[in-house]
């Protein structure tokens, strides 16, 4: 059986009629050597939302799930979450990075469930 590359998998996944949360759950469960728990969805959604508002990747800290630590801390910078979990596929197009704004956006309700 052929293995799909991450790029092939994500290209198909991003076109599916699923919520961002469902896509993210699938990505975290299937695209890593060891599947990541569902508790990672919330900090990943927060990183995606904060990026869409232009928050700084280096200085913006995000709370991690209770069972997780980043360099011994309960928080991690946005950069570590976005890059460490390959979230570039989920980032919204924004004016500050020279791309056209996405039609769909985030609201606080979708990131705090």
N, C-alpha and C. Protein backbone atom coordinates (compact mmCIF):
# COMPACT_ATOMS: atom_id res chain seq x y z
N UNK A 1 0.84 -1.18 0.00
CA UNK A 1 0.00 0.00 0.00
C UNK A 1 0.89 1.25 0.00
N UNK A 2 0.51 2.23 -0.78
CA UNK A 2 1.27 3.47 -0.86
C UNK A 2 1.01 4.34 0.37
N UNK A 3 2.07 4.99 0.83
CA UNK A 3 1.93 5.96 1.90
C UNK A 3 1.83 7.34 1.27
N UNK A 4 0.88 8.12 1.74
CA UNK A 4 0.75 9.48 1.25
C UNK A 4 1.72 10.38 1.99
N UNK A 5 2.22 11.37 1.31
CA UNK A 5 3.08 12.35 1.98
C UNK A 5 2.19 13.27 2.81
N UNK A 6 2.80 13.98 3.74
CA UNK A 6 2.05 14.95 4.54
C UNK A 6 1.38 15.97 3.63
N UNK A 7 2.10 16.43 2.62
CA UNK A 7 1.53 17.43 1.71
C UNK A 7 0.31 16.88 0.97
N UNK A 8 0.38 15.65 0.49
CA UNK A 8 -0.76 15.05 -0.20
C UNK A 8 -1.96 14.90 0.73
N UNK A 9 -1.69 14.40 1.93
CA UNK A 9 -2.75 14.20 2.92
C UNK A 9 -3.41 15.53 3.27
N UNK A 10 -2.60 16.54 3.54
CA UNK A 10 -3.16 17.83 3.96
C UNK A 10 -3.89 18.53 2.82
N UNK A 11 -3.42 18.38 1.59
CA UNK A 11 -4.10 18.98 0.45
C UNK A 11 -5.51 18.43 0.34
N UNK A 12 -5.66 17.12 0.50
CA UNK A 12 -6.98 16.50 0.45
C UNK A 12 -7.81 16.89 1.68
N UNK A 13 -7.21 16.80 2.85
CA UNK A 13 -7.93 17.11 4.09
C UNK A 13 -8.49 18.52 4.09
N UNK A 14 -7.71 19.49 3.62
CA UNK A 14 -8.15 20.88 3.67
C UNK A 14 -9.30 21.17 2.72
N UNK A 15 -9.54 20.29 1.76
CA UNK A 15 -10.67 20.49 0.84
C UNK A 15 -11.93 19.75 1.30
N UNK A 16 -11.82 18.96 2.34
CA UNK A 16 -12.97 18.20 2.83
C UNK A 16 -13.96 19.10 3.56
N UNK A 17 -15.21 18.69 3.54
CA UNK A 17 -16.27 19.45 4.18
C UNK A 17 -16.35 19.07 5.66
N UNK A 18 -15.32 19.48 6.40
CA UNK A 18 -15.24 19.24 7.84
C UNK A 18 -14.96 20.56 8.54
N UNK A 19 -15.28 20.63 9.81
CA UNK A 19 -14.96 21.83 10.57
C UNK A 19 -13.45 21.91 10.76
N UNK A 20 -12.95 23.08 11.10
CA UNK A 20 -11.52 23.23 11.36
C UNK A 20 -11.09 22.31 12.49
N UNK A 21 -11.94 22.18 13.50
CA UNK A 21 -11.61 21.32 14.63
C UNK A 21 -11.50 19.86 14.20
N UNK A 22 -12.42 19.40 13.35
CA UNK A 22 -12.36 18.02 12.87
C UNK A 22 -11.12 17.78 12.02
N UNK A 23 -10.80 18.74 11.17
CA UNK A 23 -9.59 18.62 10.34
C UNK A 23 -8.35 18.56 11.22
N UNK A 24 -8.33 19.41 12.23
CA UNK A 24 -7.19 19.46 13.14
C UNK A 24 -7.08 18.16 13.94
N UNK A 25 -8.19 17.62 14.41
CA UNK A 25 -8.17 16.35 15.13
C UNK A 25 -7.60 15.24 14.25
N UNK A 26 -8.04 15.20 13.00
CA UNK A 26 -7.53 14.18 12.08
C UNK A 26 -6.02 14.36 11.87
N UNK A 27 -5.61 15.59 11.63
CA UNK A 27 -4.19 15.90 11.40
C UNK A 27 -3.34 15.46 12.59
N UNK A 28 -3.75 15.81 13.79
CA UNK A 28 -2.97 15.48 14.98
C UNK A 28 -2.96 13.97 15.26
N UNK A 29 -4.01 13.28 14.88
CA UNK A 29 -4.09 11.84 15.13
C UNK A 29 -3.39 11.00 14.07
N UNK A 30 -3.26 11.52 12.85
CA UNK A 30 -2.76 10.69 11.76
C UNK A 30 -1.42 11.10 11.16
N UNK A 31 -1.03 12.34 11.33
CA UNK A 31 0.16 12.83 10.62
C UNK A 31 1.42 12.87 11.49
N UNK A 32 1.39 12.20 12.61
CA UNK A 32 2.56 12.17 13.50
C UNK A 32 2.90 10.72 13.81
N UNK A 33 4.16 10.48 14.06
CA UNK A 33 4.59 9.12 14.37
C UNK A 33 3.78 8.54 15.53
N UNK A 34 3.62 9.34 16.57
CA UNK A 34 2.79 8.98 17.71
C UNK A 34 1.59 9.93 17.71
N UNK A 35 0.37 9.41 17.57
CA UNK A 35 -0.80 10.30 17.53
C UNK A 35 -0.85 11.21 18.76
N UNK A 36 -1.21 12.45 18.53
CA UNK A 36 -1.33 13.41 19.62
C UNK A 36 -2.74 13.38 20.18
N UNK A 37 -2.89 13.57 21.49
CA UNK A 37 -4.22 13.51 22.09
C UNK A 37 -5.10 14.69 21.68
N UNK A 38 -6.40 14.48 21.82
CA UNK A 38 -7.37 15.54 21.48
C UNK A 38 -7.15 16.81 22.28
N UNK A 39 -6.51 16.70 23.43
CA UNK A 39 -6.26 17.88 24.26
C UNK A 39 -5.35 18.90 23.57
N UNK A 40 -4.66 18.49 22.52
CA UNK A 40 -3.80 19.41 21.77
C UNK A 40 -4.60 20.29 20.81
N UNK A 41 -5.85 19.94 20.55
CA UNK A 41 -6.65 20.71 19.60
C UNK A 41 -6.84 22.14 20.08
N UNK A 42 -7.18 22.34 21.35
CA UNK A 42 -7.44 23.69 21.85
C UNK A 42 -6.23 24.61 21.71
N UNK A 43 -5.02 24.24 22.18
CA UNK A 43 -3.90 25.16 21.99
C UNK A 43 -3.55 25.39 20.52
N UNK A 44 -3.77 24.38 19.68
CA UNK A 44 -3.51 24.57 18.25
C UNK A 44 -4.50 25.55 17.64
N UNK A 45 -5.78 25.41 18.00
CA UNK A 45 -6.79 26.36 17.51
C UNK A 45 -6.49 27.78 17.99
N UNK A 46 -6.03 27.90 19.23
CA UNK A 46 -5.68 29.23 19.76
C UNK A 46 -4.51 29.82 18.99
N UNK A 47 -3.50 29.01 18.68
CA UNK A 47 -2.36 29.51 17.91
C UNK A 47 -2.79 29.97 16.53
N UNK A 48 -3.66 29.21 15.90
CA UNK A 48 -4.17 29.58 14.57
C UNK A 48 -4.94 30.89 14.63
N UNK A 49 -5.83 31.01 15.63
CA UNK A 49 -6.62 32.23 15.76
C UNK A 49 -5.73 33.44 16.05
N UNK A 50 -4.80 33.29 16.99
CA UNK A 50 -3.93 34.41 17.35
C UNK A 50 -3.06 34.83 16.17
N UNK A 51 -2.63 33.89 15.36
CA UNK A 51 -1.88 34.23 14.16
C UNK A 51 -2.73 35.07 13.22
N UNK A 52 -4.01 34.73 13.09
CA UNK A 52 -4.88 35.48 12.18
C UNK A 52 -5.07 36.92 12.64
N UNK A 53 -4.87 37.18 13.93
CA UNK A 53 -4.96 38.54 14.45
C UNK A 53 -3.60 39.23 14.51
N UNK A 54 -2.57 38.57 14.04
CA UNK A 54 -1.26 39.20 13.94
C UNK A 54 -0.40 39.14 15.19
N UNK A 55 -0.73 38.27 16.13
CA UNK A 55 0.09 38.16 17.35
C UNK A 55 1.47 37.66 16.98
N UNK A 56 2.46 38.08 17.74
CA UNK A 56 3.85 37.72 17.49
C UNK A 56 4.10 36.27 17.87
N UNK A 57 4.71 35.52 16.96
CA UNK A 57 4.96 34.10 17.18
C UNK A 57 5.96 33.86 18.30
N UNK A 58 6.90 34.75 18.46
CA UNK A 58 7.98 34.55 19.43
C UNK A 58 7.55 34.85 20.87
N UNK A 59 6.73 35.88 21.04
CA UNK A 59 6.44 36.36 22.39
C UNK A 59 5.07 35.96 22.93
N UNK A 60 4.18 35.48 22.07
CA UNK A 60 2.85 35.09 22.52
C UNK A 60 2.90 33.68 23.06
N UNK A 61 2.52 33.54 24.32
CA UNK A 61 2.55 32.23 24.99
C UNK A 61 1.13 31.65 25.05
N UNK A 62 1.06 30.34 24.88
CA UNK A 62 -0.21 29.63 24.88
C UNK A 62 -0.16 28.51 25.92
N UNK A 63 -1.22 28.42 26.71
CA UNK A 63 -1.31 27.37 27.72
C UNK A 63 -1.39 26.00 27.06
N UNK A 64 -0.68 25.05 27.63
CA UNK A 64 -0.67 23.68 27.14
C UNK A 64 -1.60 22.81 27.96
N UNK A 65 -1.99 21.66 27.42
CA UNK A 65 -2.82 20.73 28.21
C UNK A 65 -2.07 20.35 29.49
N UNK A 66 -2.80 20.02 30.55
CA UNK A 66 -2.17 19.72 31.85
C UNK A 66 -1.08 18.65 31.79
N UNK A 67 -1.24 17.66 30.92
CA UNK A 67 -0.27 16.56 30.86
C UNK A 67 0.97 16.89 30.02
N UNK A 68 1.05 18.12 29.52
CA UNK A 68 2.12 18.49 28.59
C UNK A 68 2.97 19.63 29.14
N UNK A 69 4.26 19.55 28.87
CA UNK A 69 5.18 20.62 29.23
C UNK A 69 6.04 20.96 28.02
N UNK A 70 6.43 22.21 27.91
CA UNK A 70 7.36 22.67 26.89
C UNK A 70 8.57 23.24 27.62
N UNK A 71 9.68 22.55 27.51
CA UNK A 71 10.90 22.95 28.21
C UNK A 71 10.65 23.18 29.70
N UNK A 72 9.85 22.29 30.27
CA UNK A 72 9.55 22.33 31.69
C UNK A 72 8.45 23.30 32.09
N UNK A 73 7.87 24.00 31.14
CA UNK A 73 6.84 25.01 31.42
C UNK A 73 5.47 24.54 30.93
N UNK A 74 4.42 25.12 31.50
CA UNK A 74 3.05 24.80 31.14
C UNK A 74 2.55 25.64 29.95
N UNK A 75 3.41 26.50 29.41
CA UNK A 75 3.08 27.33 28.25
C UNK A 75 4.16 27.15 27.19
N UNK A 76 3.77 27.43 25.94
CA UNK A 76 4.73 27.38 24.84
C UNK A 76 4.49 28.58 23.95
N UNK A 77 5.54 29.08 23.28
CA UNK A 77 5.33 30.19 22.34
C UNK A 77 4.53 29.71 21.12
N UNK A 78 3.79 30.61 20.54
CA UNK A 78 3.01 30.29 19.34
C UNK A 78 3.88 29.61 18.29
N UNK A 79 5.09 30.10 18.11
CA UNK A 79 5.99 29.57 17.09
C UNK A 79 6.20 28.06 17.29
N UNK A 80 6.43 27.64 18.53
CA UNK A 80 6.67 26.23 18.82
C UNK A 80 5.44 25.39 18.50
N UNK A 81 4.27 25.93 18.77
CA UNK A 81 3.03 25.19 18.51
C UNK A 81 2.76 25.11 17.01
N UNK A 82 2.88 26.24 16.32
CA UNK A 82 2.60 26.27 14.88
C UNK A 82 3.61 25.43 14.10
N UNK A 83 4.87 25.64 14.36
CA UNK A 83 5.89 24.91 13.61
C UNK A 83 6.00 23.45 14.06
N UNK A 84 5.88 23.20 15.35
CA UNK A 84 6.02 21.85 15.87
C UNK A 84 4.88 20.92 15.50
N UNK A 85 3.73 21.50 15.17
CA UNK A 85 2.56 20.69 14.83
C UNK A 85 2.14 20.88 13.37
N UNK A 86 3.02 21.49 12.59
CA UNK A 86 2.77 21.68 11.15
C UNK A 86 1.42 22.34 10.88
N UNK A 87 1.17 23.44 11.56
CA UNK A 87 -0.13 24.11 11.44
C UNK A 87 -0.20 25.11 10.30
N UNK A 88 0.86 25.22 9.50
CA UNK A 88 0.83 26.17 8.40
C UNK A 88 -0.35 25.92 7.46
N UNK A 89 -0.81 24.69 7.40
CA UNK A 89 -1.95 24.36 6.55
C UNK A 89 -3.24 25.01 7.06
N UNK A 90 -3.29 25.34 8.33
CA UNK A 90 -4.49 25.87 8.96
C UNK A 90 -4.48 27.39 9.11
N UNK A 91 -3.35 28.02 8.86
CA UNK A 91 -3.26 29.47 9.07
C UNK A 91 -4.14 30.20 8.06
N UNK A 92 -4.79 31.23 8.55
CA UNK A 92 -5.69 32.02 7.73
C UNK A 92 -4.89 33.04 6.93
N UNK A 93 -5.39 33.37 5.75
CA UNK A 93 -4.78 34.43 4.96
C UNK A 93 -5.08 35.75 5.64
N UNK A 94 -4.05 36.54 5.87
CA UNK A 94 -4.24 37.83 6.53
C UNK A 94 -3.53 38.93 5.76
N UNK A 95 -3.95 40.16 6.01
CA UNK A 95 -3.36 41.30 5.33
C UNK A 95 -1.91 41.51 5.76
N UNK A 96 -1.58 41.22 7.01
CA UNK A 96 -0.23 41.50 7.49
C UNK A 96 0.83 40.61 6.86
N UNK A 97 0.45 39.50 6.28
CA UNK A 97 1.44 38.68 5.60
C UNK A 97 1.28 38.75 4.09
N UNK A 98 0.56 39.76 3.62
CA UNK A 98 0.46 40.02 2.20
C UNK A 98 -0.50 39.13 1.44
N UNK A 99 -1.31 38.37 2.17
CA UNK A 99 -2.28 37.52 1.50
C UNK A 99 -3.68 38.07 1.69
N UNK A 100 -4.58 37.66 0.84
CA UNK A 100 -5.97 38.08 0.90
C UNK A 100 -6.65 37.43 2.11
N UNK A 101 -7.53 38.17 2.76
CA UNK A 101 -8.24 37.65 3.93
C UNK A 101 -9.13 36.48 3.53
N UNK A 102 -9.19 35.47 4.38
CA UNK A 102 -10.07 34.32 4.17
C UNK A 102 -11.51 34.73 4.41
N UNK A 103 -12.41 34.03 3.76
CA UNK A 103 -13.83 34.29 3.99
C UNK A 103 -14.23 33.85 5.38
N UNK A 104 -13.74 32.68 5.79
CA UNK A 104 -14.10 32.14 7.09
C UNK A 104 -13.06 32.57 8.11
N UNK A 105 -13.49 32.89 9.29
CA UNK A 105 -12.55 33.26 10.34
C UNK A 105 -12.86 32.53 11.62
N UNK A 106 -12.18 32.90 12.66
CA UNK A 106 -12.40 32.31 13.95
C UNK A 106 -13.14 33.29 14.84
N UNK A 107 -13.83 32.77 15.82
CA UNK A 107 -14.35 33.62 16.87
C UNK A 107 -13.98 32.98 18.20
N UNK A 108 -14.15 33.67 19.27
CA UNK A 108 -13.71 33.17 20.56
C UNK A 108 -14.45 31.90 20.96
N UNK A 109 -15.68 31.73 20.52
CA UNK A 109 -16.44 30.54 20.87
C UNK A 109 -15.78 29.29 20.31
N UNK A 110 -15.28 29.35 19.08
CA UNK A 110 -14.70 28.16 18.45
C UNK A 110 -13.35 27.80 19.06
N UNK A 111 -12.71 28.68 19.76
CA UNK A 111 -11.39 28.38 20.30
C UNK A 111 -11.39 28.15 21.79
N UNK A 112 -12.53 28.30 22.44
CA UNK A 112 -12.55 28.14 23.90
C UNK A 112 -13.45 26.98 24.36
N UNK A 113 -13.90 26.17 23.45
CA UNK A 113 -14.76 25.02 23.82
C UNK A 113 -14.02 24.06 24.70
